[in-house]
Amino acid sequence: MIFDKNILINETLDNYFETWSHCVDTGDFVQEKFLDKIDKYIYKNLVKSFKQIEIYSLLQLKDMGVKLGLFDKLKIWFSGIEPIYNAEKKQKLKLEKMKAKKARSKSKRKPTT
C-alpha cells in the first residue's frame, strides 16, 4: 500500500471541481436553492474523501513502523477502514470457507439409488 498522499488529494480535487462544474453548467435552468443543496452535498463528499485519504495515510505510516499516537489509532479504529491488502485477504478467506462448506454439504448428501 504505497501511495503519494498529494497525488490522491489532487485527484480528489479534480473530481470535485469536475462535478461542481457540471452543476454550474445547469445553473441556467435549475433553481438556486437546489444548486445550494447540491453544492453542500458535493462538499460533504469531498470532506469525507479527505478523511479517507488521511486514514489511509495513517495506515501506511503504521505499516512502515512509525509509532502512532493514541488519537491517530482511535481515528483508524473509529473509521473502520482497513488496509486494502487485508480486505482482499478477508474476501479470499470468505470464498474459501464458502467453497469448503459447499463441499461438506455435497459429501453429506446420500446418493440416490
PDB file of N, CA and C in Angstrom:
ATOM      1  N   MET A   1       0.844  -1.173   0.000  1.00  0.00           N
ATOM      2  CA  MET A   1       0.000   0.000   0.000  1.00  0.00           C
ATOM      3  C   MET A   1       0.890   1.237   0.000  1.00  0.00           C
ATOM      4  N   ILE A   2       1.545   1.474  -1.075  1.00  0.00           N
ATOM      5  CA  ILE A   2       2.394   2.645  -1.192  1.00  0.00           C
ATOM      6  C   ILE A   2       1.688   3.639  -2.111  1.00  0.00           C
ATOM      7  N   PHE A   3       1.459   4.830  -1.629  1.00  0.00           N
ATOM      8  CA  PHE A   3       0.828   5.855  -2.434  1.00  0.00           C
ATOM      9  C   PHE A   3       1.374   7.209  -2.028  1.00  0.00           C
ATOM     10  N   ASP A   4       1.131   8.182  -2.877  1.00  0.00           N
ATOM     11  CA  ASP A   4       1.535   9.540  -2.579  1.00  0.00           C
ATOM     12  C   ASP A   4       0.279  10.318  -2.192  1.00  0.00           C
ATOM     13  N   LYS A   5       0.257  10.805  -0.994  1.00  0.00           N
ATOM     14  CA  LYS A   5      -0.929  11.483  -0.467  1.00  0.00           C
ATOM     15  C   LYS A   5      -1.308  12.695  -1.323  1.00  0.00           C
ATOM     16  N   ASN A   6      -0.318  13.435  -1.803  1.00  0.00           N
ATOM     17  CA  ASN A   6      -0.615  14.626  -2.602  1.00  0.00           C
ATOM     18  C   ASN A   6      -1.286  14.269  -3.924  1.00  0.00           C
ATOM     19  N   ILE A   7      -0.876  13.148  -4.523  1.00  0.00           N
ATOM     20  CA  ILE A   7      -1.499  12.724  -5.776  1.00  0.00           C
ATOM     21  C   ILE A   7      -2.964  12.387  -5.530  1.00  0.00           C
ATOM     22  N   LEU A   8      -3.250  11.683  -4.435  1.00  0.00           N
ATOM     23  CA  LEU A   8      -4.641  11.357  -4.112  1.00  0.00           C
ATOM     24  C   LEU A   8      -5.471  12.611  -3.852  1.00  0.00           C
ATOM     25  N   ILE A   9      -4.898  13.567  -3.159  1.00  0.00           N
ATOM     26  CA  ILE A   9      -5.615  14.819  -2.891  1.00  0.00           C
ATOM     27  C   ILE A   9      -5.894  15.552  -4.191  1.00  0.00           C
ATOM     28  N   ASN A  10      -4.906  15.599  -5.092  1.00  0.00           N
ATOM     29  CA  ASN A  10      -5.111  16.269  -6.375  1.00  0.00           C
ATOM     30  C   ASN A  10      -6.208  15.598  -7.201  1.00  0.00           C
ATOM     31  N   GLU A  11      -6.216  14.271  -7.217  1.00  0.00           N
ATOM     32  CA  GLU A  11      -7.258  13.557  -7.959  1.00  0.00           C
ATOM     33  C   GLU A  11      -8.639  13.807  -7.355  1.00  0.00           C
ATOM     34  N   THR A  12      -8.709  13.842  -6.035  1.00  0.00           N
ATOM     35  CA  THR A  12      -9.977  14.112  -5.362  1.00  0.00           C
ATOM     36  C   THR A  12     -10.473  15.506  -5.703  1.00  0.00           C
ATOM     37  N   LEU A  13      -9.576  16.479  -5.667  1.00  0.00           N
ATOM     38  CA  LEU A  13      -9.973  17.849  -6.006  1.00  0.00           C
ATOM     39  C   LEU A  13     -10.382  17.969  -7.473  1.00  0.00           C
ATOM     40  N   ASP A  14      -9.674  17.267  -8.363  1.00  0.00           N
ATOM     41  CA  ASP A  14     -10.055  17.286  -9.776  1.00  0.00           C
ATOM     42  C   ASP A  14     -11.463  16.745  -9.961  1.00  0.00           C
ATOM     43  N   ASN A  15     -11.770  15.632  -9.302  1.00  0.00           N
ATOM     44  CA  ASN A  15     -13.117  15.065  -9.402  1.00  0.00           C
ATOM     45  C   ASN A  15     -14.161  16.012  -8.818  1.00  0.00           C
ATOM     46  N   TYR A  16     -13.818  16.647  -7.695  1.00  0.00           N
ATOM     47  CA  TYR A  16     -14.739  17.593  -7.062  1.00  0.00           C
ATOM     48  C   TYR A  16     -15.043  18.757  -7.986  1.00  0.00           C
ATOM     49  N   PHE A  17     -14.003  19.357  -8.564  1.00  0.00           N
ATOM     50  CA  PHE A  17     -14.228  20.519  -9.421  1.00  0.00           C
ATOM     51  C   PHE A  17     -14.914  20.140 -10.734  1.00  0.00           C
ATOM     52  N   GLU A  18     -14.654  18.939 -11.223  1.00  0.00           N
ATOM     53  CA  GLU A  18     -15.351  18.479 -12.426  1.00  0.00           C
ATOM     54  C   GLU A  18     -16.851  18.327 -12.150  1.00  0.00           C
ATOM     55  N   THR A  19     -17.170  17.712 -11.021  1.00  0.00           N
ATOM     56  CA  THR A  19     -18.576  17.553 -10.644  1.00  0.00           C
ATOM     57  C   THR A  19     -19.225  18.907 -10.414  1.00  0.00           C
ATOM     58  N   TRP A  20     -18.518  19.785  -9.751  1.00  0.00           N
ATOM     59  CA  TRP A  20     -19.056  21.109  -9.470  1.00  0.00           C
ATOM     60  C   TRP A  20     -19.275  21.895 -10.768  1.00  0.00           C
ATOM     61  N   SER A  21     -18.372  21.752 -11.734  1.00  0.00           N
ATOM     62  CA  SER A  21     -18.528  22.478 -13.000  1.00  0.00           C
ATOM     63  C   SER A  21     -19.749  21.984 -13.770  1.00  0.00           C
ATOM     64  N   HIS A  22     -20.063  20.691 -13.649  1.00  0.00           N
ATOM     65  CA  HIS A  22     -21.279  20.187 -14.295  1.00  0.00           C
ATOM     66  C   HIS A  22     -22.520  20.811 -13.679  1.00  0.00           C
ATOM     67  N   CYS A  23     -22.482  21.046 -12.372  1.00  0.00           N
ATOM     68  CA  CYS A  23     -23.618  21.678 -11.698  1.00  0.00           C
ATOM     69  C   CYS A  23     -23.734  23.145 -12.088  1.00  0.00           C
ATOM     70  N   VAL A  24     -22.631  23.807 -12.280  1.00  0.00           N
ATOM     71  CA  VAL A  24     -22.661  25.219 -12.659  1.00  0.00           C
ATOM     72  C   VAL A  24     -23.219  25.371 -14.071  1.00  0.00           C
ATOM     73  N   ASP A  25     -22.921  24.403 -14.939  1.00  0.00           N
ATOM     74  CA  ASP A  25     -23.454  24.445 -16.299  1.00  0.00           C
ATOM     75  C   ASP A  25     -24.977  24.363 -16.321  1.00  0.00           C
ATOM     76  N   THR A  26     -25.554  23.727 -15.311  1.00  0.00           N
ATOM     77  CA  THR A  26     -27.015  23.607 -15.259  1.00  0.00           C
ATOM     78  C   THR A  26     -27.656  24.788 -14.544  1.00  0.00           C
ATOM     79  N   GLY A  27     -26.885  25.781 -14.163  1.00  0.00           N
ATOM     80  CA  GLY A  27     -27.381  26.924 -13.408  1.00  0.00           C
ATOM     81  C   GLY A  27     -28.418  27.738 -14.140  1.00  0.00           C
ATOM     82  N   ASP A  28     -28.491  27.635 -15.461  1.00  0.00           N
ATOM     83  CA  ASP A  28     -29.462  28.420 -16.220  1.00  0.00           C
ATOM     84  C   ASP A  28     -30.892  27.933 -16.011  1.00  0.00           C
ATOM     85  N   PHE A  29     -31.065  26.639 -15.810  1.00  0.00           N
ATOM     86  CA  PHE A  29     -32.428  26.118 -15.736  1.00  0.00           C
ATOM     87  C   PHE A  29     -32.742  25.358 -14.441  1.00  0.00           C
ATOM     88  N   VAL A  30     -31.832  25.418 -13.463  1.00  0.00           N
ATOM     89  CA  VAL A  30     -32.092  24.812 -12.155  1.00  0.00           C
ATOM     90  C   VAL A  30     -32.145  25.927 -11.126  1.00  0.00           C
ATOM     91  N   GLN A  31     -33.084  25.801 -10.201  1.00  0.00           N
ATOM     92  CA  GLN A  31     -33.266  26.854  -9.199  1.00  0.00           C
ATOM     93  C   GLN A  31     -32.061  26.931  -8.260  1.00  0.00           C
ATOM     94  N   GLU A  32     -31.859  28.130  -7.710  1.00  0.00           N
ATOM     95  CA  GLU A  32     -30.715  28.385  -6.817  1.00  0.00           C
ATOM     96  C   GLU A  32     -30.718  27.489  -5.578  1.00  0.00           C
ATOM     97  N   LYS A  33     -31.905  27.286  -4.986  1.00  0.00           N
ATOM     98  CA  LYS A  33     -31.939  26.516  -3.739  1.00  0.00           C
ATOM     99  C   LYS A  33     -31.487  25.072  -3.978  1.00  0.00           C
ATOM    100  N   PHE A  34     -31.790  24.515  -5.148  1.00  0.00           N
ATOM    101  CA  PHE A  34     -31.349  23.158  -5.446  1.00  0.00           C
ATOM    102  C   PHE A  34     -29.846  23.113  -5.714  1.00  0.00           C
ATOM    103  N   LEU A  35     -29.335  24.153  -6.366  1.00  0.00           N
ATOM    104  CA  LEU A  35     -27.890  24.219  -6.598  1.00  0.00           C
ATOM    105  C   LEU A  35     -27.128  24.332  -5.274  1.00  0.00           C
ATOM    106  N   ASP A  36     -27.699  25.088  -4.316  1.00  0.00           N
ATOM    107  CA  ASP A  36     -27.063  25.189  -2.997  1.00  0.00           C
ATOM    108  C   ASP A  36     -27.035  23.834  -2.291  1.00  0.00           C
ATOM    109  N   LYS A  37     -28.136  23.081  -2.395  1.00  0.00           N
ATOM    110  CA  LYS A  37     -28.177  21.752  -1.782  1.00  0.00           C
ATOM    111  C   LYS A  37     -27.159  20.827  -2.434  1.00  0.00           C
ATOM    112  N   ILE A  38     -27.043  20.904  -3.737  1.00  0.00           N
ATOM    113  CA  ILE A  38     -26.085  20.066  -4.459  1.00  0.00           C
ATOM    114  C   ILE A  38     -24.659  20.440  -4.084  1.00  0.00           C
ATOM    115  N   ASP A  39     -24.391  21.745  -3.966  1.00  0.00           N
ATOM    116  CA  ASP A  39     -23.053  22.188  -3.550  1.00  0.00           C
ATOM    117  C   ASP A  39     -22.693  21.662  -2.165  1.00  0.00           C
ATOM    118  N   LYS A  40     -23.651  21.717  -1.234  1.00  0.00           N
ATOM    119  CA  LYS A  40     -23.392  21.210   0.119  1.00  0.00           C
ATOM    120  C   LYS A  40     -23.128  19.711   0.083  1.00  0.00           C
ATOM    121  N   TYR A  41     -23.890  18.979  -0.722  1.00  0.00           N
ATOM    122  CA  TYR A  41     -23.720  17.530  -0.825  1.00  0.00           C
ATOM    123  C   TYR A  41     -22.355  17.179  -1.415  1.00  0.00           C
ATOM    124  N   ILE A  42     -21.964  17.895  -2.462  1.00  0.00           N
ATOM    125  CA  ILE A  42     -20.661  17.651  -3.095  1.00  0.00           C
ATOM    126  C   ILE A  42     -19.538  17.980  -2.120  1.00  0.00           C
ATOM    127  N   TYR A  43     -19.675  19.082  -1.391  1.00  0.00           N
ATOM    128  CA  TYR A  43     -18.646  19.472  -0.420  1.00  0.00           C
ATOM    129  C   TYR A  43     -18.544  18.444   0.703  1.00  0.00           C
ATOM    130  N   LYS A  44     -19.691  17.930   1.157  1.00  0.00           N
ATOM    131  CA  LYS A  44     -19.698  16.907   2.204  1.00  0.00           C
ATOM    132  C   LYS A  44     -18.942  15.665   1.750  1.00  0.00           C
ATOM    133  N   ASN A  45     -19.145  15.260   0.500  1.00  0.00           N
ATOM    134  CA  ASN A  45     -18.428  14.103  -0.037  1.00  0.00           C
ATOM    135  C   ASN A  45     -16.936  14.388  -0.197  1.00  0.00           C
ATOM    136  N   LEU A  46     -16.587  15.625  -0.517  1.00  0.00           N
ATOM    137  CA  LEU A  46     -15.174  15.998  -0.619  1.00  0.00           C
ATOM    138  C   LEU A  46     -14.483  15.856   0.735  1.00  0.00           C
ATOM    139  N   VAL A  47     -15.125  16.347   1.784  1.00  0.00           N
ATOM    140  CA  VAL A  47     -14.563  16.247   3.128  1.00  0.00           C
ATOM    141  C   VAL A  47     -14.426  14.785   3.534  1.00  0.00           C
ATOM    142  N   LYS A  48     -15.428  13.984   3.194  1.00  0.00           N
ATOM    143  CA  LYS A  48     -15.383  12.554   3.503  1.00  0.00           C
ATOM    144  C   LYS A  48     -14.199  11.879   2.796  1.00  0.00           C
ATOM    145  N   SER A  49     -13.956  12.259   1.545  1.00  0.00           N
ATOM    146  CA  SER A  49     -12.827  11.704   0.801  1.00  0.00           C
ATOM    147  C   SER A  49     -11.492  12.098   1.430  1.00  0.00           C
ATOM    148  N   PHE A  50     -11.393  13.345   1.885  1.00  0.00           N
ATOM    149  CA  PHE A  50     -10.167  13.785   2.544  1.00  0.00           C
ATOM    150  C   PHE A  50      -9.918  13.006   3.832  1.00  0.00           C
ATOM    151  N   LYS A  51     -10.982  12.698   4.570  1.00  0.00           N
ATOM    152  CA  LYS A  51     -10.830  11.911   5.795  1.00  0.00           C
ATOM    153  C   LYS A  51     -10.338  10.510   5.470  1.00  0.00           C
ATOM    154  N   GLN A  52     -10.860   9.917   4.397  1.00  0.00           N
ATOM    155  CA  GLN A  52     -10.404   8.590   3.990  1.00  0.00           C
ATOM    156  C   GLN A  52      -8.933   8.612   3.595  1.00  0.00           C
ATOM    157  N   ILE A  53      -8.528   9.648   2.880  1.00  0.00           N
ATOM    158  CA  ILE A  53      -7.123   9.772   2.490  1.00  0.00           C
ATOM    159  C   ILE A  53      -6.242   9.867   3.735  1.00  0.00           C
ATOM    160  N   GLU A  54      -6.694  10.618   4.724  1.00  0.00           N
ATOM    161  CA  GLU A  54      -5.933  10.756   5.962  1.00  0.00           C
ATOM    162  C   GLU A  54      -5.809   9.406   6.673  1.00  0.00           C
ATOM    163  N   ILE A  55      -6.880   8.632   6.709  1.00  0.00           N
ATOM    164  CA  ILE A  55      -6.840   7.323   7.363  1.00  0.00           C
ATOM    165  C   ILE A  55      -5.879   6.394   6.625  1.00  0.00           C
ATOM    166  N   TYR A  56      -5.960   6.374   5.291  1.00  0.00           N
ATOM    167  CA  TYR A  56      -5.039   5.529   4.538  1.00  0.00           C
ATOM    168  C   TYR A  56      -3.591   5.966   4.719  1.00  0.00           C
ATOM    169  N   SER A  57      -3.372   7.257   4.892  1.00  0.00           N
ATOM    170  CA  SER A  57      -2.023   7.750   5.160  1.00  0.00           C
ATOM    171  C   SER A  57      -1.523   7.241   6.515  1.00  0.00           C
ATOM    172  N   LEU A  58      -2.408   7.279   7.510  1.00  0.00           N
ATOM    173  CA  LEU A  58      -2.034   6.765   8.831  1.00  0.00           C
ATOM    174  C   LEU A  58      -1.762   5.263   8.784  1.00  0.00           C
ATOM    175  N   LEU A  59      -2.561   4.527   8.008  1.00  0.00           N
ATOM    176  CA  LEU A  59      -2.337   3.087   7.873  1.00  0.00           C
ATOM    177  C   LEU A  59      -0.991   2.801   7.218  1.00  0.00           C
ATOM    178  N   GLN A  60      -0.638   3.624   6.236  1.00  0.00           N
ATOM    179  CA  GLN A  60       0.660   3.438   5.578  1.00  0.00           C
ATOM    180  C   GLN A  60       1.794   3.701   6.568  1.00  0.00           C
ATOM    181  N   LEU A  61       1.665   4.758   7.363  1.00  0.00           N
ATOM    182  CA  LEU A  61       2.688   5.053   8.366  1.00  0.00           C
ATOM    183  C   LEU A  61       2.809   3.912   9.370  1.00  0.00           C
ATOM    184  N   LYS A  62       1.650   3.350   9.758  1.00  0.00           N
ATOM    185  CA  LYS A  62       1.656   2.235  10.704  1.00  0.00           C
ATOM    186  C   LYS A  62       2.379   1.029  10.103  1.00  0.00           C
ATOM    187  N   ASP A  63       2.143   0.761   8.819  1.00  0.00           N
ATOM    188  CA  ASP A  63       2.810  -0.359   8.149  1.00  0.00           C
ATOM    189  C   ASP A  63       4.311  -0.131   8.012  1.00  0.00           C
ATOM    190  N   MET A  64       4.706   1.129   7.901  1.00  0.00           N
ATOM    191  CA  MET A  64       6.127   1.443   7.772  1.00  0.00           C
ATOM    192  C   MET A  64       6.842   1.352   9.109  1.00  0.00           C
ATOM    193  N   GLY A  65       6.091   1.207  10.213  1.00  0.00           N
ATOM    194  CA  GLY A  65       6.704   1.049  11.524  1.00  0.00           C
ATOM    195  C   GLY A  65       6.747   2.312  12.346  1.00  0.00           C
ATOM    196  N   VAL A  66       6.080   3.366  11.897  1.00  0.00           N
ATOM    197  CA  VAL A  66       6.042   4.610  12.660  1.00  0.00           C
ATOM    198  C   VAL A  66       5.082   4.421  13.832  1.00  0.00           C
ATOM    199  N   LYS A  67       5.484   4.836  15.014  1.00  0.00           N
ATOM    200  CA  LYS A  67       4.631   4.700  16.185  1.00  0.00           C
ATOM    201  C   LYS A  67       3.579   5.805  16.165  1.00  0.00           C
ATOM    202  N   LEU A  68       2.312   5.398  16.138  1.00  0.00           N
ATOM    203  CA  LEU A  68       1.214   6.356  16.083  1.00  0.00           C
ATOM    204  C   LEU A  68       0.753   6.723  17.487  1.00  0.00           C
ATOM    205  N   GLY A  69       0.233   7.934  17.607  1.00  0.00           N
ATOM    206  CA  GLY A  69      -0.302   8.373  18.882  1.00  0.00           C
ATOM    207  C   GLY A  69      -1.684   7.786  19.130  1.00  0.00           C
ATOM    208  N   LEU A  70      -2.189   8.012  20.301  1.00  0.00           N
ATOM    209  CA  LEU A  70      -3.477   7.466  20.698  1.00  0.00           C
ATOM    210  C   LEU A  70      -4.601   7.978  19.795  1.00  0.00           C
ATOM    211  N   PHE A  71      -4.613   9.272  19.509  1.00  0.00           N
ATOM    212  CA  PHE A  71      -5.692   9.832  18.705  1.00  0.00           C
ATOM    213  C   PHE A  71      -5.653   9.317  17.267  1.00  0.00           C
ATOM    214  N   ASP A  72      -4.451   9.096  16.742  1.00  0.00           N
ATOM    215  CA  ASP A  72      -4.338   8.529  15.400  1.00  0.00           C
ATOM    216  C   ASP A  72      -4.860   7.095  15.369  1.00  0.00           C
ATOM    217  N   LYS A  73      -4.541   6.326  16.406  1.00  0.00           N
ATOM    218  CA  LYS A  73      -5.052   4.964  16.491  1.00  0.00           C
ATOM    219  C   LYS A  73      -6.569   4.950  16.601  1.00  0.00           C
ATOM    220  N   LEU A  74      -7.105   5.902  17.375  1.00  0.00           N
ATOM    221  CA  LEU A  74      -8.559   5.994  17.510  1.00  0.00           C
ATOM    222  C   LEU A  74      -9.223   6.386  16.196  1.00  0.00           C
ATOM    223  N   LYS A  75      -8.583   7.284  15.445  1.00  0.00           N
ATOM    224  CA  LYS A  75      -9.117   7.656  14.128  1.00  0.00           C
ATOM    225  C   LYS A  75      -9.245   6.433  13.235  1.00  0.00           C
ATOM    226  N   ILE A  76      -8.207   5.622  13.230  1.00  0.00           N
ATOM    227  CA  ILE A  76      -8.220   4.415  12.403  1.00  0.00           C
ATOM    228  C   ILE A  76      -9.298   3.464  12.893  1.00  0.00           C
ATOM    229  N   TRP A  77      -9.377   3.279  14.201  1.00  0.00           N
ATOM    230  CA  TRP A  77     -10.320   2.319  14.754  1.00  0.00           C
ATOM    231  C   TRP A  77     -11.769   2.738  14.505  1.00  0.00           C
ATOM    232  N   PHE A  78     -12.086   4.037  14.728  1.00  0.00           N
ATOM    233  CA  PHE A  78     -13.450   4.516  14.531  1.00  0.00           C
ATOM    234  C   PHE A  78     -13.850   4.560  13.066  1.00  0.00           C
ATOM    235  N   SER A  79     -12.892   4.735  12.181  1.00  0.00           N
ATOM    236  CA  SER A  79     -13.226   4.812  10.759  1.00  0.00           C
ATOM    237  C   SER A  79     -13.671   3.467  10.217  1.00  0.00           C
ATOM    238  N   GLY A  80     -13.123   2.388  10.763  1.00  0.00           N
ATOM    239  CA  GLY A  80     -13.474   1.059  10.276  1.00  0.00           C
ATOM    240  C   GLY A  80     -12.789   0.704   8.973  1.00  0.00           C
ATOM    241  N   ILE A  81     -11.887   1.544   8.509  1.00  0.00           N
ATOM    242  CA  ILE A  81     -11.173   1.299   7.259  1.00  0.00           C
ATOM    243  C   ILE A  81      -9.985   0.399   7.549  1.00  0.00           C
ATOM    244  N   GLU A  82      -9.794  -0.575   6.668  1.00  0.00           N
ATOM    245  CA  GLU A  82      -8.665  -1.484   6.789  1.00  0.00           C
ATOM    246  C   GLU A  82      -7.741  -1.278   5.608  1.00  0.00           C
ATOM    247  N   PRO A  83      -6.499  -1.712   5.746  1.00  0.00           N
ATOM    248  CA  PRO A  83      -5.632  -1.684   4.574  1.00  0.00           C
ATOM    249  C   PRO A  83      -6.229  -2.536   3.458  1.00  0.00           C
ATOM    250  N   ILE A  84      -5.999  -2.135   2.240  1.00  0.00           N
ATOM    251  CA  ILE A  84      -6.602  -2.808   1.100  1.00  0.00           C
ATOM    252  C   ILE A  84      -6.192  -4.270   1.048  1.00  0.00           C
ATOM    253  N   TYR A  85      -4.947  -4.566   1.341  1.00  0.00           N
ATOM    254  CA  TYR A  85      -4.500  -5.949   1.255  1.00  0.00           C
ATOM    255  C   TYR A  85      -5.170  -6.818   2.316  1.00  0.00           C
ATOM    256  N   ASN A  86      -5.530  -6.270   3.474  1.00  0.00           N
ATOM    257  CA  ASN A  86      -6.264  -7.042   4.482  1.00  0.00           C
ATOM    258  C   ASN A  86      -7.674  -7.353   4.006  1.00  0.00           C
ATOM    259  N   ALA A  87      -8.312  -6.392   3.346  1.00  0.00           N
ATOM    260  CA  ALA A  87      -9.662  -6.614   2.850  1.00  0.00           C
ATOM    261  C   ALA A  87      -9.659  -7.714   1.785  1.00  0.00           C
ATOM    262  N   GLU A  88      -8.638  -7.729   0.934  1.00  0.00           N
ATOM    263  CA  GLU A  88      -8.552  -8.766  -0.095  1.00  0.00           C
ATOM    264  C   GLU A  88      -8.346 -10.134   0.543  1.00  0.00           C
ATOM    265  N   LYS A  89      -7.515 -10.209   1.575  1.00  0.00           N
ATOM    266  CA  LYS A  89      -7.282 -11.478   2.265  1.00  0.00           C
ATOM    267  C   LYS A  89      -8.572 -11.989   2.898  1.00  0.00           C
ATOM    268  N   LYS A  90      -9.322 -11.084   3.534  1.00  0.00           N
ATOM    269  CA  LYS A  90     -10.570 -11.484   4.176  1.00  0.00           C
ATOM    270  C   LYS A  90     -11.572 -11.994   3.146  1.00  0.00           C
ATOM    271  N   GLN A  91     -11.614 -11.345   1.990  1.00  0.00           N
ATOM    272  CA  GLN A  91     -12.536 -11.768   0.945  1.00  0.00           C
ATOM    273  C   GLN A  91     -12.153 -13.161   0.432  1.00  0.00           C
ATOM    274  N   LYS A  92     -10.860 -13.415   0.260  1.00  0.00           N
ATOM    275  CA  LYS A  92     -10.412 -14.738  -0.176  1.00  0.00           C
ATOM    276  C   LYS A  92     -10.759 -15.802   0.861  1.00  0.00           C
ATOM    277  N   LEU A  93     -10.578 -15.479   2.141  1.00  0.00           N
ATOM    278  CA  LEU A  93     -10.914 -16.428   3.197  1.00  0.00           C
ATOM    279  C   LEU A  93     -12.405 -16.758   3.200  1.00  0.00           C
ATOM    280  N   LYS A  94     -13.248 -15.741   2.987  1.00  0.00           N
ATOM    281  CA  LYS A  94     -14.690 -15.978   2.931  1.00  0.00           C
ATOM    282  C   LYS A  94     -15.041 -16.904   1.781  1.00  0.00           C
ATOM    283  N   LEU A  95     -14.418 -16.671   0.614  1.00  0.00           N
ATOM    284  CA  LEU A  95     -14.687 -17.531  -0.533  1.00  0.00           C
ATOM    285  C   LEU A  95     -14.246 -18.963  -0.266  1.00  0.00           C
ATOM    286  N   GLU A  96     -13.081 -19.129   0.358  1.00  0.00           N
ATOM    287  CA  GLU A  96     -12.600 -20.475   0.676  1.00  0.00           C
ATOM    288  C   GLU A  96     -13.525 -21.174   1.665  1.00  0.00           C
ATOM    289  N   LYS A  97     -14.022 -20.446   2.664  1.00  0.00           N
ATOM    290  CA  LYS A  97     -14.949 -21.023   3.626  1.00  0.00           C
ATOM    291  C   LYS A  97     -16.251 -21.454   2.951  1.00  0.00           C
ATOM    292  N   MET A  98     -16.744 -20.617   2.041  1.00  0.00           N
ATOM    293  CA  MET A  98     -17.969 -20.958   1.329  1.00  0.00           C
ATOM    294  C   MET A  98     -17.773 -22.205   0.476  1.00  0.00           C
ATOM    295  N   LYS A  99     -16.634 -22.301  -0.205  1.00  0.00           N
ATOM    296  CA  LYS A  99     -16.346 -23.484  -1.024  1.00  0.00           C
ATOM    297  C   LYS A  99     -16.237 -24.736  -0.159  1.00  0.00           C
ATOM    298  N   ALA A 100     -15.574 -24.598   0.992  1.00  0.00           N
ATOM    299  CA  ALA A 100     -15.440 -25.741   1.897  1.00  0.00           C
ATOM    300  C   ALA A 100     -16.798 -26.172   2.436  1.00  0.00           C
ATOM    301  N   LYS A 101     -17.648 -25.212   2.739  1.00  0.00           N
ATOM    302  CA  LYS A 101     -18.985 -25.517   3.247  1.00  0.00           C
ATOM    303  C   LYS A 101     -19.811 -26.239   2.189  1.00  0.00           C
ATOM    304  N   LYS A 102     -19.716 -25.784   0.937  1.00  0.00           N
ATOM    305  CA  LYS A 102     -20.428 -26.446  -0.149  1.00  0.00           C
ATOM    306  C   LYS A 102     -19.910 -27.858  -0.352  1.00  0.00           C
ATOM    307  N   ALA A 103     -18.608 -28.041  -0.261  1.00  0.00           N
ATOM    308  CA  ALA A 103     -18.018 -29.367  -0.435  1.00  0.00           C
ATOM    309  C   ALA A 103     -18.477 -30.305   0.681  1.00  0.00           C
ATOM    310  N   ARG A 104     -18.563 -29.795   1.916  1.00  0.00           N
ATOM    311  CA  ARG A 104     -19.034 -30.614   3.030  1.00  0.00           C
ATOM    312  C   ARG A 104     -20.495 -30.995   2.855  1.00  0.00           C
ATOM    313  N   SER A 105     -21.300 -30.036   2.409  1.00  0.00           N
ATOM    314  CA  SER A 105     -22.721 -30.333   2.242  1.00  0.00           C
ATOM    315  C   SER A 105     -22.940 -31.341   1.109  1.00  0.00           C
ATOM    316  N   LYS A 106     -22.126 -31.290   0.078  1.00  0.00           N
ATOM    317  CA  LYS A 106     -22.241 -32.256  -1.015  1.00  0.00           C
ATOM    318  C   LYS A 106     -21.822 -33.647  -0.558  1.00  0.00           C
ATOM    319  N   SER A 107     -20.804 -33.706   0.297  1.00  0.00           N
ATOM    320  CA  SER A 107     -20.333 -35.012   0.760  1.00  0.00           C
ATOM    321  C   SER A 107     -21.313 -35.652   1.740  1.00  0.00           C
ATOM    322  N   LYS A 108     -22.120 -34.864   2.433  1.00  0.00           N
ATOM    323  CA  LYS A 108     -23.106 -35.386   3.395  1.00  0.00           C
ATOM    324  C   LYS A 108     -24.345 -35.945   2.695  1.00  0.00           C
ATOM    325  N   ARG A 109     -24.586 -35.513   1.479  1.00  0.00           N
ATOM    326  CA  ARG A 109     -25.768 -35.994   0.764  1.00  0.00           C
ATOM    327  C   ARG A 109     -25.670 -37.482   0.495  1.00  0.00           C
ATOM    328  N   LYS A 110     -26.790 -38.134   0.615  1.00  0.00           N
ATOM    329  CA  LYS A 110     -26.818 -39.563   0.348  1.00  0.00           C
ATOM    330  C   LYS A 110     -27.088 -39.791  -1.136  1.00  0.00           C
ATOM    331  N   PRO A 111     -26.356 -40.678  -1.724  1.00  0.00           N
ATOM    332  CA  PRO A 111     -26.631 -40.962  -3.137  1.00  0.00           C
ATOM    333  C   PRO A 111     -27.956 -41.685  -3.278  1.00  0.00           C
ATOM    334  N   THR A 112     -28.700 -41.318  -4.277  1.00  0.00           N
ATOM    335  CA  THR A 112     -29.999 -41.959  -4.504  1.00  0.00           C
ATOM    336  C   THR A 112     -29.816 -43.093  -5.495  1.00  0.00           C
ATOM    337  N   THR A 113     -30.246 -44.264  -5.083  1.00  0.00           N
ATOM    338  CA  THR A 113     -30.149 -45.436  -5.982  1.00  0.00           C
ATOM    339  C   THR A 113     -31.440 -46.174  -6.043  1.00  0.00           C
TER     340      THR A 113
END
